[in-house]
ModelCIF file with pLDDT and N, C-alpha, C, O atoms, coordinates in Angstrom:
data_MODEL
#
_entry.id   MODEL 
#
_entity.id                         1 
_entity.type                       polymer 
_entity.pdbx_number_of_molecules   1 
#
_entity_poly.entity_id                      1 
_entity_poly.type                           'polypeptide(L)' 
_entity_poly.nstd_linkage                   no 
_entity_poly.nstd_monomer                   no 
_entity_poly.pdbx_seq_one_letter_code       ISWQSPTRPIAKAINPRVVYERLFGKRLQASAPEAQSYRNLLDF 
_entity_poly.pdbx_seq_one_letter_code_can   ISWQSPTRPIAKAINPRVVYERLFGKRLQASAPEAQSYRNLLDF 
_entity_poly.pdbx_strand_id                 A 
#
loop_
_entity_poly_seq.entity_id 
_entity_poly_seq.num 
_entity_poly_seq.mon_id 
_entity_poly_seq.hetero 
1 1  ILE n 
1 2  SER n 
1 3  TRP n 
1 4  GLN n 
1 5  SER n 
1 6  PRO n 
1 7  THR n 
1 8  ARG n 
1 9  PRO n 
1 10 ILE n 
1 11 ALA n 
1 12 LYS n 
1 13 ALA n 
1 14 ILE n 
1 15 ASN n 
1 16 PRO n 
1 17 ARG n 
1 18 VAL n 
1 19 VAL n 
1 20 TYR n 
1 21 GLU n 
1 22 ARG n 
1 23 LEU n 
1 24 PHE n 
1 25 GLY n 
1 26 LYS n 
1 27 ARG n 
1 28 LEU n 
1 29 GLN n 
1 30 ALA n 
1 31 SER n 
1 32 ALA n 
1 33 PRO n 
1 34 GLU n 
1 35 ALA n 
1 36 GLN n 
1 37 SER n 
1 38 TYR n 
1 39 ARG n 
1 40 ASN n 
1 41 LEU n 
1 42 LEU n 
1 43 ASP n 
1 44 PHE n 
#
_struct_asym.id          A 
_struct_asym.entity_id   1 
#
loop_
_ma_qa_metric.id 
_ma_qa_metric.mode 
_ma_qa_metric.name 
_ma_qa_metric.software_group_id 
_ma_qa_metric.type 
1 global pLDDT . pLDDT 
2 local  pLDDT . pLDDT 
#
_ma_qa_metric_global.metric_id      1 
_ma_qa_metric_global.metric_value   75.45 
_ma_qa_metric_global.model_id       1 
_ma_qa_metric_global.ordinal_id     1 
#
loop_
_ma_qa_metric_local.label_asym_id 
_ma_qa_metric_local.label_comp_id 
_ma_qa_metric_local.label_seq_id 
_ma_qa_metric_local.metric_id 
_ma_qa_metric_local.metric_value 
_ma_qa_metric_local.model_id 
_ma_qa_metric_local.ordinal_id 
A ILE 1  2 98.00 1 1  
A SER 2  2 98.00 1 2  
A TRP 3  2 98.00 1 3  
A GLN 4  2 97.00 1 4  
A SER 5  2 97.00 1 5  
A PRO 6  2 97.00 1 6  
A THR 7  2 97.00 1 7  
A ARG 8  2 97.00 1 8  
A PRO 9  2 97.00 1 9  
A ILE 10 2 97.00 1 10 
A ALA 11 2 92.00 1 11 
A LYS 12 2 96.00 1 12 
A ALA 13 2 96.00 1 13 
A ILE 14 2 95.00 1 14 
A ASN 15 2 93.00 1 15 
A PRO 16 2 92.00 1 16 
A ARG 17 2 88.00 1 17 
A VAL 18 2 89.00 1 18 
A VAL 19 2 93.00 1 19 
A TYR 20 2 89.00 1 20 
A GLU 21 2 85.00 1 21 
A ARG 22 2 88.00 1 22 
A LEU 23 2 88.00 1 23 
A PHE 24 2 81.00 1 24 
A GLY 25 2 70.00 1 25 
A LYS 26 2 61.00 1 26 
A ARG 27 2 55.00 1 27 
A LEU 28 2 55.00 1 28 
A GLN 29 2 51.00 1 29 
A ALA 30 2 49.00 1 30 
A SER 31 2 46.00 1 31 
A ALA 32 2 43.00 1 32 
A PRO 33 2 45.00 1 33 
A GLU 34 2 44.00 1 34 
A ALA 35 2 41.00 1 35 
A GLN 36 2 37.00 1 36 
A SER 37 2 36.00 1 37 
A TYR 38 2 39.00 1 38 
A ARG 39 2 52.00 1 39 
A ASN 40 2 65.00 1 40 
A LEU 41 2 69.00 1 41 
A LEU 42 2 73.00 1 42 
A ASP 43 2 76.00 1 43 
A PHE 44 2 75.00 1 44 
#
loop_
_atom_site.group_PDB 
_atom_site.id 
_atom_site.type_symbol 
_atom_site.label_atom_id 
_atom_site.label_alt_id 
_atom_site.label_comp_id 
_atom_site.label_asym_id 
_atom_site.label_entity_id 
_atom_site.label_seq_id 
_atom_site.pdbx_PDB_ins_code 
_atom_site.Cartn_x 
_atom_site.Cartn_y 
_atom_site.Cartn_z 
_atom_site.occupancy 
_atom_site.B_iso_or_equiv 
_atom_site.pdbx_formal_charge 
_atom_site.auth_seq_id 
_atom_site.auth_comp_id 
_atom_site.auth_asym_id 
_atom_site.auth_atom_id 
_atom_site.pdbx_PDB_model_num 
ATOM 1   N N  . ILE A 1 1  ? -153.409 -51.355 101.885 1.00 98.00 ? 1  ILE A N  1 
ATOM 2   C CA . ILE A 1 1  ? -153.006 -50.322 103.112 1.00 98.00 ? 1  ILE A CA 1 
ATOM 3   C C  . ILE A 1 1  ? -151.701 -49.813 102.390 1.00 98.00 ? 1  ILE A C  1 
ATOM 4   O O  . ILE A 1 1  ? -151.135 -48.974 103.091 1.00 98.00 ? 1  ILE A O  1 
ATOM 5   N N  . SER A 1 2  ? -151.160 -50.024 101.401 1.00 98.00 ? 2  SER A N  1 
ATOM 6   C CA . SER A 1 2  ? -149.895 -49.719 100.789 1.00 98.00 ? 2  SER A CA 1 
ATOM 7   C C  . SER A 1 2  ? -150.140 -49.042 99.764  1.00 98.00 ? 2  SER A C  1 
ATOM 8   O O  . SER A 1 2  ? -150.880 -49.452 98.870  1.00 98.00 ? 2  SER A O  1 
ATOM 9   N N  . TRP A 1 3  ? -149.491 -47.788 99.747  1.00 98.00 ? 3  TRP A N  1 
ATOM 10  C CA . TRP A 1 3  ? -149.461 -47.029 98.497  1.00 98.00 ? 3  TRP A CA 1 
ATOM 11  C C  . TRP A 1 3  ? -148.377 -46.128 98.289  1.00 98.00 ? 3  TRP A C  1 
ATOM 12  O O  . TRP A 1 3  ? -147.849 -45.350 99.082  1.00 98.00 ? 3  TRP A O  1 
ATOM 13  N N  . GLN A 1 4  ? -148.065 -46.427 96.750  1.00 97.00 ? 4  GLN A N  1 
ATOM 14  C CA . GLN A 1 4  ? -146.725 -45.933 96.360  1.00 97.00 ? 4  GLN A CA 1 
ATOM 15  C C  . GLN A 1 4  ? -146.942 -44.327 95.839  1.00 97.00 ? 4  GLN A C  1 
ATOM 16  O O  . GLN A 1 4  ? -146.104 -43.496 95.488  1.00 97.00 ? 4  GLN A O  1 
ATOM 17  N N  . SER A 1 5  ? -148.139 -44.260 95.919  1.00 97.00 ? 5  SER A N  1 
ATOM 18  C CA . SER A 1 5  ? -148.487 -42.790 95.561  1.00 97.00 ? 5  SER A CA 1 
ATOM 19  C C  . SER A 1 5  ? -150.035 -42.494 95.816  1.00 97.00 ? 5  SER A C  1 
ATOM 20  O O  . SER A 1 5  ? -150.799 -43.459 95.841  1.00 97.00 ? 5  SER A O  1 
ATOM 21  N N  . PRO A 1 6  ? -150.466 -41.381 95.981  1.00 97.00 ? 6  PRO A N  1 
ATOM 22  C CA . PRO A 1 6  ? -151.961 -41.468 96.354  1.00 97.00 ? 6  PRO A CA 1 
ATOM 23  C C  . PRO A 1 6  ? -152.844 -41.999 95.257  1.00 97.00 ? 6  PRO A C  1 
ATOM 24  O O  . PRO A 1 6  ? -154.055 -42.067 95.467  1.00 97.00 ? 6  PRO A O  1 
ATOM 25  N N  . THR A 1 7  ? -152.452 -42.295 94.365  1.00 97.00 ? 7  THR A N  1 
ATOM 26  C CA . THR A 1 7  ? -153.257 -43.033 93.206  1.00 97.00 ? 7  THR A CA 1 
ATOM 27  C C  . THR A 1 7  ? -152.836 -44.411 92.851  1.00 97.00 ? 7  THR A C  1 
ATOM 28  O O  . THR A 1 7  ? -153.417 -45.064 91.984  1.00 97.00 ? 7  THR A O  1 
ATOM 29  N N  . ARG A 1 8  ? -151.809 -44.851 93.538  1.00 97.00 ? 8  ARG A N  1 
ATOM 30  C CA . ARG A 1 8  ? -151.189 -46.234 92.873  1.00 97.00 ? 8  ARG A CA 1 
ATOM 31  C C  . ARG A 1 8  ? -150.855 -47.102 94.288  1.00 97.00 ? 8  ARG A C  1 
ATOM 32  O O  . ARG A 1 8  ? -149.803 -47.048 94.926  1.00 97.00 ? 8  ARG A O  1 
ATOM 33  N N  . PRO A 1 9  ? -152.129 -47.968 94.616  1.00 97.00 ? 9  PRO A N  1 
ATOM 34  C CA . PRO A 1 9  ? -151.824 -48.951 95.579  1.00 97.00 ? 9  PRO A CA 1 
ATOM 35  C C  . PRO A 1 9  ? -150.918 -50.005 95.038  1.00 97.00 ? 9  PRO A C  1 
ATOM 36  O O  . PRO A 1 9  ? -150.752 -50.242 93.842  1.00 97.00 ? 9  PRO A O  1 
ATOM 37  N N  . ILE A 1 10 ? -150.360 -50.604 96.024  1.00 97.00 ? 10 ILE A N  1 
ATOM 38  C CA . ILE A 1 10 ? -149.514 -51.848 95.770  1.00 97.00 ? 10 ILE A CA 1 
ATOM 39  C C  . ILE A 1 10 ? -150.134 -53.105 96.148  1.00 97.00 ? 10 ILE A C  1 
ATOM 40  O O  . ILE A 1 10 ? -150.520 -53.315 97.298  1.00 97.00 ? 10 ILE A O  1 
ATOM 41  N N  . ALA A 1 11 ? -150.244 -54.006 95.132  1.00 92.00 ? 11 ALA A N  1 
ATOM 42  C CA . ALA A 1 11 ? -150.722 -55.564 94.973  1.00 92.00 ? 11 ALA A CA 1 
ATOM 43  C C  . ALA A 1 11 ? -150.264 -56.326 96.165  1.00 92.00 ? 11 ALA A C  1 
ATOM 44  O O  . ALA A 1 11 ? -149.048 -56.394 96.343  1.00 92.00 ? 11 ALA A O  1 
ATOM 45  N N  . LYS A 1 12 ? -151.033 -56.888 96.976  1.00 96.00 ? 12 LYS A N  1 
ATOM 46  C CA . LYS A 1 12 ? -150.402 -57.668 97.952  1.00 96.00 ? 12 LYS A CA 1 
ATOM 47  C C  . LYS A 1 12 ? -150.341 -58.981 97.436  1.00 96.00 ? 12 LYS A C  1 
ATOM 48  O O  . LYS A 1 12 ? -151.226 -59.460 96.726  1.00 96.00 ? 12 LYS A O  1 
ATOM 49  N N  . ALA A 1 13 ? -149.248 -59.610 97.801  1.00 96.00 ? 13 ALA A N  1 
ATOM 50  C CA . ALA A 1 13 ? -149.473 -61.286 97.337  1.00 96.00 ? 13 ALA A CA 1 
ATOM 51  C C  . ALA A 1 13 ? -150.106 -62.254 98.376  1.00 96.00 ? 13 ALA A C  1 
ATOM 52  O O  . ALA A 1 13 ? -149.787 -62.186 99.563  1.00 96.00 ? 13 ALA A O  1 
ATOM 53  N N  . ILE A 1 14 ? -150.949 -63.099 97.941  1.00 95.00 ? 14 ILE A N  1 
ATOM 54  C CA . ILE A 1 14 ? -151.871 -63.775 98.762  1.00 95.00 ? 14 ILE A CA 1 
ATOM 55  C C  . ILE A 1 14 ? -151.347 -65.316 98.621  1.00 95.00 ? 14 ILE A C  1 
ATOM 56  O O  . ILE A 1 14 ? -151.670 -66.166 99.451  1.00 95.00 ? 14 ILE A O  1 
ATOM 57  N N  . ASN A 1 15 ? -150.617 -65.569 97.643  1.00 93.00 ? 15 ASN A N  1 
ATOM 58  C CA . ASN A 1 15 ? -150.531 -67.121 97.309  1.00 93.00 ? 15 ASN A CA 1 
ATOM 59  C C  . ASN A 1 15 ? -148.866 -67.226 97.811  1.00 93.00 ? 15 ASN A C  1 
ATOM 60  O O  . ASN A 1 15 ? -147.951 -66.509 97.404  1.00 93.00 ? 15 ASN A O  1 
ATOM 61  N N  . PRO A 1 16 ? -148.782 -68.257 98.740  1.00 92.00 ? 16 PRO A N  1 
ATOM 62  C CA . PRO A 1 16 ? -147.390 -68.530 99.671  1.00 92.00 ? 16 PRO A CA 1 
ATOM 63  C C  . PRO A 1 16 ? -146.365 -68.895 98.402  1.00 92.00 ? 16 PRO A C  1 
ATOM 64  O O  . PRO A 1 16 ? -145.211 -68.477 98.314  1.00 92.00 ? 16 PRO A O  1 
ATOM 65  N N  . ARG A 1 17 ? -146.976 -69.689 97.523  1.00 88.00 ? 17 ARG A N  1 
ATOM 66  C CA . ARG A 1 17 ? -145.833 -70.327 96.411  1.00 88.00 ? 17 ARG A CA 1 
ATOM 67  C C  . ARG A 1 17 ? -145.245 -68.906 95.820  1.00 88.00 ? 17 ARG A C  1 
ATOM 68  O O  . ARG A 1 17 ? -144.027 -68.731 95.831  1.00 88.00 ? 17 ARG A O  1 
ATOM 69  N N  . VAL A 1 18 ? -145.999 -68.044 95.381  1.00 89.00 ? 18 VAL A N  1 
ATOM 70  C CA . VAL A 1 18 ? -145.795 -66.767 94.736  1.00 89.00 ? 18 VAL A CA 1 
ATOM 71  C C  . VAL A 1 18 ? -144.715 -66.119 95.426  1.00 89.00 ? 18 VAL A C  1 
ATOM 72  O O  . VAL A 1 18 ? -143.674 -65.808 94.849  1.00 89.00 ? 18 VAL A O  1 
ATOM 73  N N  . VAL A 1 19 ? -144.934 -65.902 96.671  1.00 93.00 ? 19 VAL A N  1 
ATOM 74  C CA . VAL A 1 19 ? -143.879 -65.331 97.690  1.00 93.00 ? 19 VAL A CA 1 
ATOM 75  C C  . VAL A 1 19 ? -142.899 -66.105 97.705  1.00 93.00 ? 19 VAL A C  1 
ATOM 76  O O  . VAL A 1 19 ? -141.826 -65.560 97.444  1.00 93.00 ? 19 VAL A O  1 
ATOM 77  N N  . TYR A 1 20 ? -142.870 -67.294 97.937  1.00 89.00 ? 20 TYR A N  1 
ATOM 78  C CA . TYR A 1 20 ? -141.646 -68.101 98.022  1.00 89.00 ? 20 TYR A CA 1 
ATOM 79  C C  . TYR A 1 20 ? -140.704 -67.999 96.907  1.00 89.00 ? 20 TYR A C  1 
ATOM 80  O O  . TYR A 1 20 ? -139.479 -67.962 97.031  1.00 89.00 ? 20 TYR A O  1 
ATOM 81  N N  . GLU A 1 21 ? -141.413 -67.952 95.717  1.00 85.00 ? 21 GLU A N  1 
ATOM 82  C CA . GLU A 1 21 ? -140.572 -67.844 94.482  1.00 85.00 ? 21 GLU A CA 1 
ATOM 83  C C  . GLU A 1 21 ? -139.689 -66.404 94.357  1.00 85.00 ? 21 GLU A C  1 
ATOM 84  O O  . GLU A 1 21 ? -138.551 -66.262 93.910  1.00 85.00 ? 21 GLU A O  1 
ATOM 85  N N  . ARG A 1 22 ? -140.606 -65.393 94.908  1.00 88.00 ? 22 ARG A N  1 
ATOM 86  C CA . ARG A 1 22 ? -139.978 -64.253 94.872  1.00 88.00 ? 22 ARG A CA 1 
ATOM 87  C C  . ARG A 1 22 ? -138.795 -64.288 95.647  1.00 88.00 ? 22 ARG A C  1 
ATOM 88  O O  . ARG A 1 22 ? -137.758 -63.859 95.143  1.00 88.00 ? 22 ARG A O  1 
ATOM 89  N N  . LEU A 1 23 ? -138.800 -64.764 96.874  1.00 88.00 ? 23 LEU A N  1 
ATOM 90  C CA . LEU A 1 23 ? -137.880 -64.735 97.853  1.00 88.00 ? 23 LEU A CA 1 
ATOM 91  C C  . LEU A 1 23 ? -136.621 -65.500 97.348  1.00 88.00 ? 23 LEU A C  1 
ATOM 92  O O  . LEU A 1 23 ? -135.554 -64.923 97.559  1.00 88.00 ? 23 LEU A O  1 
ATOM 93  N N  . PHE A 1 24 ? -136.574 -66.568 96.786  1.00 81.00 ? 24 PHE A N  1 
ATOM 94  C CA . PHE A 1 24 ? -135.591 -67.613 96.527  1.00 81.00 ? 24 PHE A CA 1 
ATOM 95  C C  . PHE A 1 24 ? -135.692 -67.862 95.005  1.00 81.00 ? 24 PHE A C  1 
ATOM 96  O O  . PHE A 1 24 ? -134.953 -68.775 94.635  1.00 81.00 ? 24 PHE A O  1 
ATOM 97  N N  . GLY A 1 25 ? -136.278 -67.392 94.223  1.00 70.00 ? 25 GLY A N  1 
ATOM 98  C CA . GLY A 1 25 ? -135.959 -67.433 92.597  1.00 70.00 ? 25 GLY A CA 1 
ATOM 99  C C  . GLY A 1 25 ? -136.052 -68.718 92.096  1.00 70.00 ? 25 GLY A C  1 
ATOM 100 O O  . GLY A 1 25 ? -135.369 -68.933 91.095  1.00 70.00 ? 25 GLY A O  1 
ATOM 101 N N  . LYS A 1 26 ? -136.794 -69.731 92.579  1.00 61.00 ? 26 LYS A N  1 
ATOM 102 C CA . LYS A 1 26 ? -136.773 -71.019 92.232  1.00 61.00 ? 26 LYS A CA 1 
ATOM 103 C C  . LYS A 1 26 ? -138.327 -71.697 92.106  1.00 61.00 ? 26 LYS A C  1 
ATOM 104 O O  . LYS A 1 26 ? -138.942 -71.781 93.169  1.00 61.00 ? 26 LYS A O  1 
ATOM 105 N N  . ARG A 1 27 ? -138.925 -72.133 91.013  1.00 55.00 ? 27 ARG A N  1 
ATOM 106 C CA . ARG A 1 27 ? -140.155 -72.561 91.047  1.00 55.00 ? 27 ARG A CA 1 
ATOM 107 C C  . ARG A 1 27 ? -140.088 -74.216 91.681  1.00 55.00 ? 27 ARG A C  1 
ATOM 108 O O  . ARG A 1 27 ? -139.322 -75.158 91.482  1.00 55.00 ? 27 ARG A O  1 
ATOM 109 N N  . LEU A 1 28 ? -141.221 -74.030 92.476  1.00 55.00 ? 28 LEU A N  1 
ATOM 110 C CA . LEU A 1 28 ? -141.535 -75.061 93.223  1.00 55.00 ? 28 LEU A CA 1 
ATOM 111 C C  . LEU A 1 28 ? -142.313 -76.122 92.294  1.00 55.00 ? 28 LEU A C  1 
ATOM 112 O O  . LEU A 1 28 ? -143.162 -75.700 91.509  1.00 55.00 ? 28 LEU A O  1 
ATOM 113 N N  . GLN A 1 29 ? -142.009 -77.581 92.384  1.00 51.00 ? 29 GLN A N  1 
ATOM 114 C CA . GLN A 1 29 ? -142.645 -78.429 91.439  1.00 51.00 ? 29 GLN A CA 1 
ATOM 115 C C  . GLN A 1 29 ? -144.000 -78.648 92.041  1.00 51.00 ? 29 GLN A C  1 
ATOM 116 O O  . GLN A 1 29 ? -144.052 -78.771 93.265  1.00 51.00 ? 29 GLN A O  1 
ATOM 117 N N  . ALA A 1 30 ? -145.180 -78.717 91.289  1.00 49.00 ? 30 ALA A N  1 
ATOM 118 C CA . ALA A 1 30 ? -146.568 -79.357 91.647  1.00 49.00 ? 30 ALA A CA 1 
ATOM 119 C C  . ALA A 1 30 ? -147.238 -80.509 91.556  1.00 49.00 ? 30 ALA A C  1 
ATOM 120 O O  . ALA A 1 30 ? -147.845 -81.048 92.481  1.00 49.00 ? 30 ALA A O  1 
ATOM 121 N N  . SER A 1 31 ? -147.119 -80.981 90.223  1.00 46.00 ? 31 SER A N  1 
ATOM 122 C CA . SER A 1 31 ? -147.774 -82.009 89.835  1.00 46.00 ? 31 SER A CA 1 
ATOM 123 C C  . SER A 1 31 ? -147.329 -83.284 90.305  1.00 46.00 ? 31 SER A C  1 
ATOM 124 O O  . SER A 1 31 ? -146.168 -83.249 90.715  1.00 46.00 ? 31 SER A O  1 
ATOM 125 N N  . ALA A 1 32 ? -147.917 -84.452 90.377  1.00 43.00 ? 32 ALA A N  1 
ATOM 126 C CA . ALA A 1 32 ? -147.595 -85.596 91.180  1.00 43.00 ? 32 ALA A CA 1 
ATOM 127 C C  . ALA A 1 32 ? -146.383 -86.303 90.258  1.00 43.00 ? 32 ALA A C  1 
ATOM 128 O O  . ALA A 1 32 ? -145.460 -86.863 90.849  1.00 43.00 ? 32 ALA A O  1 
ATOM 129 N N  . PRO A 1 33 ? -146.407 -86.271 89.171  1.00 45.00 ? 33 PRO A N  1 
ATOM 130 C CA . PRO A 1 33 ? -145.417 -86.808 88.220  1.00 45.00 ? 33 PRO A CA 1 
ATOM 131 C C  . PRO A 1 33 ? -143.694 -85.903 88.574  1.00 45.00 ? 33 PRO A C  1 
ATOM 132 O O  . PRO A 1 33 ? -142.612 -86.417 88.857  1.00 45.00 ? 33 PRO A O  1 
ATOM 133 N N  . GLU A 1 34 ? -144.022 -84.590 88.422  1.00 44.00 ? 34 GLU A N  1 
ATOM 134 C CA . GLU A 1 34 ? -142.828 -83.852 89.042  1.00 44.00 ? 34 GLU A CA 1 
ATOM 135 C C  . GLU A 1 34 ? -142.472 -84.026 90.547  1.00 44.00 ? 34 GLU A C  1 
ATOM 136 O O  . GLU A 1 34 ? -141.315 -83.744 90.857  1.00 44.00 ? 34 GLU A O  1 
ATOM 137 N N  . ALA A 1 35 ? -143.179 -84.384 91.359  1.00 41.00 ? 35 ALA A N  1 
ATOM 138 C CA . ALA A 1 35 ? -142.956 -84.407 92.635  1.00 41.00 ? 35 ALA A CA 1 
ATOM 139 C C  . ALA A 1 35 ? -142.063 -85.728 92.833  1.00 41.00 ? 35 ALA A C  1 
ATOM 140 O O  . ALA A 1 35 ? -141.307 -85.762 93.804  1.00 41.00 ? 35 ALA A O  1 
ATOM 141 N N  . GLN A 1 36 ? -142.121 -86.735 92.013  1.00 37.00 ? 36 GLN A N  1 
ATOM 142 C CA . GLN A 1 36 ? -141.631 -87.878 92.331  1.00 37.00 ? 36 GLN A CA 1 
ATOM 143 C C  . GLN A 1 36 ? -140.284 -87.454 92.021  1.00 37.00 ? 36 GLN A C  1 
ATOM 144 O O  . GLN A 1 36 ? -139.443 -87.686 92.890  1.00 37.00 ? 36 GLN A O  1 
ATOM 145 N N  . SER A 1 37 ? -139.958 -86.957 91.104  1.00 36.00 ? 37 SER A N  1 
ATOM 146 C CA . SER A 1 37 ? -138.447 -86.553 90.829  1.00 36.00 ? 37 SER A CA 1 
ATOM 147 C C  . SER A 1 37 ? -137.866 -85.332 91.466  1.00 36.00 ? 37 SER A C  1 
ATOM 148 O O  . SER A 1 37 ? -136.762 -84.884 91.158  1.00 36.00 ? 37 SER A O  1 
ATOM 149 N N  . TYR A 1 38 ? -138.763 -84.742 92.490  1.00 39.00 ? 38 TYR A N  1 
ATOM 150 C CA . TYR A 1 38 ? -138.401 -83.465 92.598  1.00 39.00 ? 38 TYR A CA 1 
ATOM 151 C C  . TYR A 1 38 ? -137.196 -83.386 93.663  1.00 39.00 ? 38 TYR A C  1 
ATOM 152 O O  . TYR A 1 38 ? -137.026 -84.218 94.554  1.00 39.00 ? 38 TYR A O  1 
ATOM 153 N N  . ARG A 1 39 ? -136.457 -82.359 93.455  1.00 52.00 ? 39 ARG A N  1 
ATOM 154 C CA . ARG A 1 39 ? -135.222 -81.911 94.503  1.00 52.00 ? 39 ARG A CA 1 
ATOM 155 C C  . ARG A 1 39 ? -135.581 -80.643 95.040  1.00 52.00 ? 39 ARG A C  1 
ATOM 156 O O  . ARG A 1 39 ? -135.636 -79.716 94.232  1.00 52.00 ? 39 ARG A O  1 
ATOM 157 N N  . ASN A 1 40 ? -135.865 -80.382 96.365  1.00 65.00 ? 40 ASN A N  1 
ATOM 158 C CA . ASN A 1 40 ? -136.153 -79.157 96.829  1.00 65.00 ? 40 ASN A CA 1 
ATOM 159 C C  . ASN A 1 40 ? -135.153 -78.152 96.728  1.00 65.00 ? 40 ASN A C  1 
ATOM 160 O O  . ASN A 1 40 ? -134.030 -78.503 96.365  1.00 65.00 ? 40 ASN A O  1 
ATOM 161 N N  . LEU A 1 41 ? -135.410 -76.794 97.028  1.00 69.00 ? 41 LEU A N  1 
ATOM 162 C CA . LEU A 1 41 ? -134.424 -75.732 96.895  1.00 69.00 ? 41 LEU A CA 1 
ATOM 163 C C  . LEU A 1 41 ? -133.135 -75.909 97.464  1.00 69.00 ? 41 LEU A C  1 
ATOM 164 O O  . LEU A 1 41 ? -132.118 -75.686 96.806  1.00 69.00 ? 41 LEU A O  1 
ATOM 165 N N  . LEU A 1 42 ? -133.103 -76.378 98.896  1.00 73.00 ? 42 LEU A N  1 
ATOM 166 C CA . LEU A 1 42 ? -132.013 -76.662 99.474  1.00 73.00 ? 42 LEU A CA 1 
ATOM 167 C C  . LEU A 1 42 ? -131.207 -77.690 98.703  1.00 73.00 ? 42 LEU A C  1 
ATOM 168 O O  . LEU A 1 42 ? -129.990 -77.507 98.672  1.00 73.00 ? 42 LEU A O  1 
ATOM 169 N N  . ASP A 1 43 ? -131.612 -78.538 98.200  1.00 76.00 ? 43 ASP A N  1 
ATOM 170 C CA . ASP A 1 43 ? -130.892 -79.550 97.387  1.00 76.00 ? 43 ASP A CA 1 
ATOM 171 C C  . ASP A 1 43 ? -129.682 -78.983 96.472  1.00 76.00 ? 43 ASP A C  1 
ATOM 172 O O  . ASP A 1 43 ? -128.544 -79.447 96.411  1.00 76.00 ? 43 ASP A O  1 
ATOM 173 N N  . PHE A 1 44 ? -130.189 -77.899 95.797  1.00 75.00 ? 44 PHE A N  1 
ATOM 174 C CA . PHE A 1 44 ? -129.562 -77.079 94.901  1.00 75.00 ? 44 PHE A CA 1 
ATOM 175 C C  . PHE A 1 44 ? -128.370 -76.195 95.708  1.00 75.00 ? 44 PHE A C  1 
ATOM 176 O O  . PHE A 1 44 ? -127.676 -75.387 95.091  1.00 75.00 ? 44 PHE A O  1 
#
């Protein structure tokens, strides 16, 4: 529904993780080993 020009639609983000990283600029940890030592964004 969003068009930058008549021939150029703008792709929508559907993955919440991707949106979060666009907003706050910090990659979230995902795998179990990483999660054990994970400090979330607010800790930084």
